[in-house]
């Protein structure tokens, strides 16, 4: 008699994974905004801004379905200078600009939420910081990368100091062992 196999449990569907990402905490609800306009390079530049569009912007759209979001991806040449920025327009007509140059997607999302997140965002942020948790998912990668860069820079500085100390010791030894060095003390008197 053949053995019975257990029930097949299918893996999570793609839809459930997407919904899990969109509903991940915290909710990125923005208050009092009319429009968010993003300008960035389409390729080969502005990595943080492009990751923001890919990772955080769908969550913002999910939480704010009536918000007008415009993404302008510009074809940029190597010699062109383009600064990625987000222009945030409030309901009262005032605008604010977020510079996205050399920033992580989580940093951009935190700046946008600080600008228009309101009291729920401030309460969530304070609770997360008090508990020692990252404010947004993926922020721990940013911290680890910054620590790794700092450690690498410290090691490079230590290596440079070590090399300069070795160079100084070598120069001192060369000066002491030089044949044309003037003799002092008893060596000057003795043959």
C-alpha atoms as a PDB file:
ATOM      1  CA  UNK A   1       0.000   0.000   0.000  1.00  0.00           C
ATOM      2  CA  UNK A   2       1.511   3.394  -0.988  1.00  0.00           C
ATOM      3  CA  UNK A   3       2.373   5.840   1.717  1.00  0.00           C
ATOM      4  CA  UNK A   4       0.194   8.843   2.172  1.00  0.00           C
ATOM      5  CA  UNK A   5       1.819  12.120   1.693  1.00  0.00           C
ATOM      6  CA  UNK A   6       0.883  15.173   3.671  1.00  0.00           C
ATOM      7  CA  UNK A   7      -1.228  17.912   2.219  1.00  0.00           C
ATOM      8  CA  UNK A   8       0.557  20.215  -0.153  1.00  0.00           C
ATOM      9  CA  UNK A   9       0.792  23.682   1.310  1.00  0.00           C
ATOM     10  CA  UNK A  10       1.313  26.176  -1.481  1.00  0.00           C
ATOM     11  CA  UNK A  11       3.787  29.007  -0.960  1.00  0.00           C
ATOM     12  CA  UNK A  12       2.477  32.543  -0.542  1.00  0.00           C
ATOM     13  CA  UNK A  13       1.161  33.970  -3.768  1.00  0.00           C
ATOM     14  CA  UNK A  14       2.716  37.002  -5.421  1.00  0.00           C
ATOM     15  CA  UNK A  15      -0.398  39.016  -4.581  1.00  0.00           C
ATOM     16  CA  UNK A  16      -0.109  38.218  -0.873  1.00  0.00           C
ATOM     17  CA  UNK A  17       3.572  39.267  -0.924  1.00  0.00           C
ATOM     18  CA  UNK A  18       2.721  42.577  -2.630  1.00  0.00           C
ATOM     19  CA  UNK A  19      -0.120  43.246  -0.172  1.00  0.00           C
ATOM     20  CA  UNK A  20       2.192  42.387   2.712  1.00  0.00           C
ATOM     21  CA  UNK A  21       4.689  44.999   1.464  1.00  0.00           C
ATOM     22  CA  UNK A  22       1.985  47.638   0.935  1.00  0.00           C
ATOM     23  CA  UNK A  23       0.458  47.084   4.373  1.00  0.00           C
ATOM     24  CA  UNK A  24       3.791  46.892   6.220  1.00  0.00           C
ATOM     25  CA  UNK A  25       4.046  49.292   9.137  1.00  0.00           C
ATOM     26  CA  UNK A  26       4.133  52.179   9.502  1.00  0.00           C
ATOM     27  CA  UNK A  27       1.294  53.481   7.354  1.00  0.00           C
ATOM     28  CA  UNK A  28       2.699  56.309   5.228  1.00  0.00           C
ATOM     29  CA  UNK A  29      -0.409  58.526   5.333  1.00  0.00           C
ATOM     30  CA  UNK A  30       0.278  62.142   4.348  1.00  0.00           C
ATOM     31  CA  UNK A  31      -1.942  64.964   5.608  1.00  0.00           C
ATOM     32  CA  UNK A  32      -2.746  68.217   3.835  1.00  0.00           C
ATOM     33  CA  UNK A  33      -0.947  67.523   0.557  1.00  0.00           C
ATOM     34  CA  UNK A  34      -2.194  68.285  -2.919  1.00  0.00           C
ATOM     35  CA  UNK A  35       0.700  67.008  -5.046  1.00  0.00           C
ATOM     36  CA  UNK A  36       4.117  65.359  -4.888  1.00  0.00           C
ATOM     37  CA  UNK A  37       6.329  65.791  -7.979  1.00  0.00           C
ATOM     38  CA  UNK A  38       9.556  63.813  -8.273  1.00  0.00           C
ATOM     39  CA  UNK A  39      12.333  64.559 -10.767  1.00  0.00           C
ATOM     40  CA  UNK A  40      15.185  62.090 -11.182  1.00  0.00           C
ATOM     41  CA  UNK A  41      17.419  60.421 -13.745  1.00  0.00           C
ATOM     42  CA  UNK A  42      15.948  57.474 -15.600  1.00  0.00           C
ATOM     43  CA  UNK A  43      19.187  55.446 -15.491  1.00  0.00           C
ATOM     44  CA  UNK A  44      22.675  55.203 -14.004  1.00  0.00           C
ATOM     45  CA  UNK A  45      22.315  57.883 -11.346  1.00  0.00           C
ATOM     46  CA  UNK A  46      20.248  58.905  -8.316  1.00  0.00           C
ATOM     47  CA  UNK A  47      20.062  55.422  -6.799  1.00  0.00           C
ATOM     48  CA  UNK A  48      18.374  56.510  -3.567  1.00  0.00           C
ATOM     49  CA  UNK A  49      15.652  58.388  -5.433  1.00  0.00           C
ATOM     50  CA  UNK A  50      15.081  55.471  -7.805  1.00  0.00           C
ATOM     51  CA  UNK A  51      14.818  53.042  -4.878  1.00  0.00           C
ATOM     52  CA  UNK A  52      12.379  55.451  -3.205  1.00  0.00           C
ATOM     53  CA  UNK A  53      10.174  55.317  -6.314  1.00  0.00           C
ATOM     54  CA  UNK A  54      10.374  51.518  -6.377  1.00  0.00           C
ATOM     55  CA  UNK A  55      10.056  50.710  -2.649  1.00  0.00           C
ATOM     56  CA  UNK A  56       8.380  53.551  -0.747  1.00  0.00           C
ATOM     57  CA  UNK A  57       6.232  55.348  -3.336  1.00  0.00           C
ATOM     58  CA  UNK A  58       3.838  52.389  -3.841  1.00  0.00           C
ATOM     59  CA  UNK A  59       3.245  52.323  -0.073  1.00  0.00           C
ATOM     60  CA  UNK A  60       2.564  56.082  -0.105  1.00  0.00           C
ATOM     61  CA  UNK A  61       0.165  55.645  -3.041  1.00  0.00           C
ATOM     62  CA  UNK A  62      -1.605  52.780  -1.208  1.00  0.00           C
ATOM     63  CA  UNK A  63      -2.110  54.904   1.921  1.00  0.00           C
ATOM     64  CA  UNK A  64      -3.055  58.078  -0.038  1.00  0.00           C
ATOM     65  CA  UNK A  65      -5.113  57.051  -3.093  1.00  0.00           C
ATOM     66  CA  UNK A  66      -6.318  60.624  -3.824  1.00  0.00           C
ATOM     67  CA  UNK A  67      -2.856  62.225  -3.719  1.00  0.00           C
ATOM     68  CA  UNK A  68      -1.534  63.449  -7.085  1.00  0.00           C
ATOM     69  CA  UNK A  69       1.911  61.868  -7.523  1.00  0.00           C
ATOM     70  CA  UNK A  70       4.005  62.736 -10.567  1.00  0.00           C
ATOM     71  CA  UNK A  71       7.303  61.022 -11.359  1.00  0.00           C
ATOM     72  CA  UNK A  72       9.442  62.668 -14.031  1.00  0.00           C
ATOM     73  CA  UNK A  73      12.303  60.389 -15.118  1.00  0.00           C
ATOM     74  CA  UNK A  74      14.698  62.422 -17.252  1.00  0.00           C
ATOM     75  CA  UNK A  75      17.042  60.892 -19.813  1.00  0.00           C
ATOM     76  CA  UNK A  76      20.367  62.264 -18.640  1.00  0.00           C
ATOM     77  CA  UNK A  77      23.724  62.335 -20.377  1.00  0.00           C
ATOM     78  CA  UNK A  78      27.013  62.054 -18.518  1.00  0.00           C
ATOM     79  CA  UNK A  79      27.821  65.733 -18.893  1.00  0.00           C
ATOM     80  CA  UNK A  80      24.357  66.871 -17.727  1.00  0.00           C
ATOM     81  CA  UNK A  81      23.936  68.018 -14.151  1.00  0.00           C
ATOM     82  CA  UNK A  82      20.586  67.016 -12.690  1.00  0.00           C
ATOM     83  CA  UNK A  83      19.712  67.151  -9.014  1.00  0.00           C
ATOM     84  CA  UNK A  84      16.992  64.727  -7.936  1.00  0.00           C
ATOM     85  CA  UNK A  85      14.301  66.500  -5.972  1.00  0.00           C
ATOM     86  CA  UNK A  86      10.778  66.095  -4.686  1.00  0.00           C
ATOM     87  CA  UNK A  87       8.497  69.129  -4.795  1.00  0.00           C
ATOM     88  CA  UNK A  88       5.712  68.839  -2.233  1.00  0.00           C
ATOM     89  CA  UNK A  89       2.661  71.080  -2.730  1.00  0.00           C
ATOM     90  CA  UNK A  90       0.337  71.582   0.249  1.00  0.00           C
ATOM     91  CA  UNK A  91      -3.417  72.244   0.157  1.00  0.00           C
ATOM     92  CA  UNK A  92      -2.854  75.937   0.985  1.00  0.00           C
ATOM     93  CA  UNK A  93      -0.666  76.374  -2.137  1.00  0.00           C
ATOM     94  CA  UNK A  94       2.741  76.509  -0.441  1.00  0.00           C
ATOM     95  CA  UNK A  95       5.495  74.273  -1.746  1.00  0.00           C
ATOM     96  CA  UNK A  96       8.525  72.653  -0.192  1.00  0.00           C
ATOM     97  CA  UNK A  97      11.446  70.942  -1.919  1.00  0.00           C
ATOM     98  CA  UNK A  98      13.242  67.835  -0.687  1.00  0.00           C
ATOM     99  CA  UNK A  99      16.729  67.330  -2.109  1.00  0.00           C
ATOM    100  CA  UNK A 100      17.249  63.610  -2.779  1.00  0.00           C
ATOM    101  CA  UNK A 101      20.943  63.773  -3.729  1.00  0.00           C
ATOM    102  CA  UNK A 102      23.036  60.984  -2.174  1.00  0.00           C
ATOM    103  CA  UNK A 103      20.265  59.886   0.202  1.00  0.00           C
ATOM    104  CA  UNK A 104      18.835  56.473   0.913  1.00  0.00           C
ATOM    105  CA  UNK A 105      15.196  55.760   0.064  1.00  0.00           C
ATOM    106  CA  UNK A 106      14.377  55.420   3.765  1.00  0.00           C
ATOM    107  CA  UNK A 107      15.893  58.844   4.482  1.00  0.00           C
ATOM    108  CA  UNK A 108      13.811  60.412   1.714  1.00  0.00           C
ATOM    109  CA  UNK A 109      10.660  58.732   3.051  1.00  0.00           C
ATOM    110  CA  UNK A 110      11.407  59.953   6.594  1.00  0.00           C
ATOM    111  CA  UNK A 111      11.930  63.528   5.361  1.00  0.00           C
ATOM    112  CA  UNK A 112       8.634  63.424   3.444  1.00  0.00           C
ATOM    113  CA  UNK A 113       6.804  61.986   6.449  1.00  0.00           C
ATOM    114  CA  UNK A 114       8.362  64.576   8.779  1.00  0.00           C
ATOM    115  CA  UNK A 115       7.083  67.246   6.410  1.00  0.00           C
ATOM    116  CA  UNK A 116       3.496  65.994   6.030  1.00  0.00           C
ATOM    117  CA  UNK A 117       3.006  62.924   8.237  1.00  0.00           C
ATOM    118  CA  UNK A 118       1.243  64.772  11.020  1.00  0.00           C
ATOM    119  CA  UNK A 119       0.780  63.695  14.614  1.00  0.00           C
ATOM    120  CA  UNK A 120       0.373  59.918  13.976  1.00  0.00           C
ATOM    121  CA  UNK A 121       3.790  59.851  12.278  1.00  0.00           C
ATOM    122  CA  UNK A 122       5.441  61.834  15.082  1.00  0.00           C
ATOM    123  CA  UNK A 123       3.953  59.478  17.695  1.00  0.00           C
ATOM    124  CA  UNK A 124       5.068  56.378  15.755  1.00  0.00           C
ATOM    125  CA  UNK A 125       8.559  57.775  15.196  1.00  0.00           C
ATOM    126  CA  UNK A 126       8.997  58.678  18.876  1.00  0.00           C
ATOM    127  CA  UNK A 127       7.819  55.208  19.959  1.00  0.00           C
ATOM    128  CA  UNK A 128      10.135  53.439  17.479  1.00  0.00           C
ATOM    129  CA  UNK A 129      13.145  55.507  18.510  1.00  0.00           C
ATOM    130  CA  UNK A 130      12.384  55.014  22.218  1.00  0.00           C
ATOM    131  CA  UNK A 131      12.191  51.241  21.693  1.00  0.00           C
ATOM    132  CA  UNK A 132      15.412  51.231  19.657  1.00  0.00           C
ATOM    133  CA  UNK A 133      13.706  49.910  16.530  1.00  0.00           C
ATOM    134  CA  UNK A 134      14.275  51.224  13.006  1.00  0.00           C
ATOM    135  CA  UNK A 135      11.694  53.833  12.021  1.00  0.00           C
ATOM    136  CA  UNK A 136      11.166  52.343   8.545  1.00  0.00           C
ATOM    137  CA  UNK A 137      11.817  48.806   7.265  1.00  0.00           C
ATOM    138  CA  UNK A 138      15.215  48.674   5.558  1.00  0.00           C
ATOM    139  CA  UNK A 139      16.716  51.429   7.693  1.00  0.00           C
ATOM    140  CA  UNK A 140      18.965  48.917   9.447  1.00  0.00           C
ATOM    141  CA  UNK A 141      20.752  48.289   6.116  1.00  0.00           C
ATOM    142  CA  UNK A 142      21.494  52.001   5.899  1.00  0.00           C
ATOM    143  CA  UNK A 143      22.934  52.003   9.422  1.00  0.00           C
ATOM    144  CA  UNK A 144      25.061  48.925   8.740  1.00  0.00           C
ATOM    145  CA  UNK A 145      26.419  50.441   5.539  1.00  0.00           C
ATOM    146  CA  UNK A 146      27.297  53.694   7.306  1.00  0.00           C
ATOM    147  CA  UNK A 147      29.069  51.742  10.068  1.00  0.00           C
ATOM    148  CA  UNK A 148      30.983  49.698   7.494  1.00  0.00           C
ATOM    149  CA  UNK A 149      32.070  52.871   5.667  1.00  0.00           C
ATOM    150  CA  UNK A 150      33.161  54.506   8.922  1.00  0.00           C
ATOM    151  CA  UNK A 151      35.093  51.386   9.905  1.00  0.00           C
ATOM    152  CA  UNK A 152      36.732  51.254   6.474  1.00  0.00           C
ATOM    153  CA  UNK A 153      37.724  54.932   6.742  1.00  0.00           C
ATOM    154  CA  UNK A 154      39.138  54.366  10.238  1.00  0.00           C
ATOM    155  CA  UNK A 155      41.128  51.390   8.998  1.00  0.00           C
ATOM    156  CA  UNK A 156      42.461  53.447   6.084  1.00  0.00           C
ATOM    157  CA  UNK A 157      43.454  56.267   8.457  1.00  0.00           C
ATOM    158  CA  UNK A 158      45.121  53.788  10.824  1.00  0.00           C
ATOM    159  CA  UNK A 159      46.957  52.214   7.891  1.00  0.00           C
ATOM    160  CA  UNK A 160      48.143  55.645   6.707  1.00  0.00           C
ATOM    161  CA  UNK A 161      49.360  56.513  10.214  1.00  0.00           C
ATOM    162  CA  UNK A 162      51.163  53.179  10.431  1.00  0.00           C
ATOM    163  CA  UNK A 163      52.816  53.779   7.050  1.00  0.00           C
ATOM    164  CA  UNK A 164      53.909  57.292   8.043  1.00  0.00           C
ATOM    165  CA  UNK A 165      55.366  55.970  11.328  1.00  0.00           C
ATOM    166  CA  UNK A 166      57.266  53.277   9.429  1.00  0.00           C
ATOM    167  CA  UNK A 167      58.515  55.871   6.935  1.00  0.00           C
ATOM    168  CA  UNK A 168      59.711  58.103   9.784  1.00  0.00           C
ATOM    169  CA  UNK A 169      61.540  55.208  11.453  1.00  0.00           C
ATOM    170  CA  UNK A 170      63.186  54.313   8.146  1.00  0.00           C
ATOM    171  CA  UNK A 171      64.322  57.918   7.596  1.00  0.00           C
ATOM    172  CA  UNK A 172      65.748  58.122  11.130  1.00  0.00           C
ATOM    173  CA  UNK A 173      67.668  54.859  10.617  1.00  0.00           C
ATOM    174  CA  UNK A 174      69.032  56.131   7.289  1.00  0.00           C
ATOM    175  CA  UNK A 175      70.150  59.392   8.911  1.00  0.00           C
ATOM    176  CA  UNK A 176      71.841  57.565  11.779  1.00  0.00           C
ATOM    177  CA  UNK A 177      73.626  55.112   9.477  1.00  0.00           C
ATOM    178  CA  UNK A 178      74.648  57.671   6.834  1.00  0.00           C
ATOM    179  CA  UNK A 179      78.464  57.643   6.233  1.00  0.00           C
ATOM    180  CA  UNK A 180      78.638  61.445   5.835  1.00  0.00           C
ATOM    181  CA  UNK A 181      76.909  62.072   9.151  1.00  0.00           C
ATOM    182  CA  UNK A 182      78.937  64.412  11.359  1.00  0.00           C
ATOM    183  CA  UNK A 183      80.336  62.646  14.379  1.00  0.00           C
ATOM    184  CA  UNK A 184      79.560  63.977  17.828  1.00  0.00           C
ATOM    185  CA  UNK A 185      80.797  63.248  21.334  1.00  0.00           C
ATOM    186  CA  UNK A 186      83.463  60.557  21.774  1.00  0.00           C
ATOM    187  CA  UNK A 187      83.124  59.394  18.177  1.00  0.00           C
ATOM    188  CA  UNK A 188      84.390  62.798  17.018  1.00  0.00           C
ATOM    189  CA  UNK A 189      87.547  62.451  19.146  1.00  0.00           C
ATOM    190  CA  UNK A 190      88.365  58.790  18.516  1.00  0.00           C
ATOM    191  CA  UNK A 191      89.776  57.636  15.164  1.00  0.00           C
END
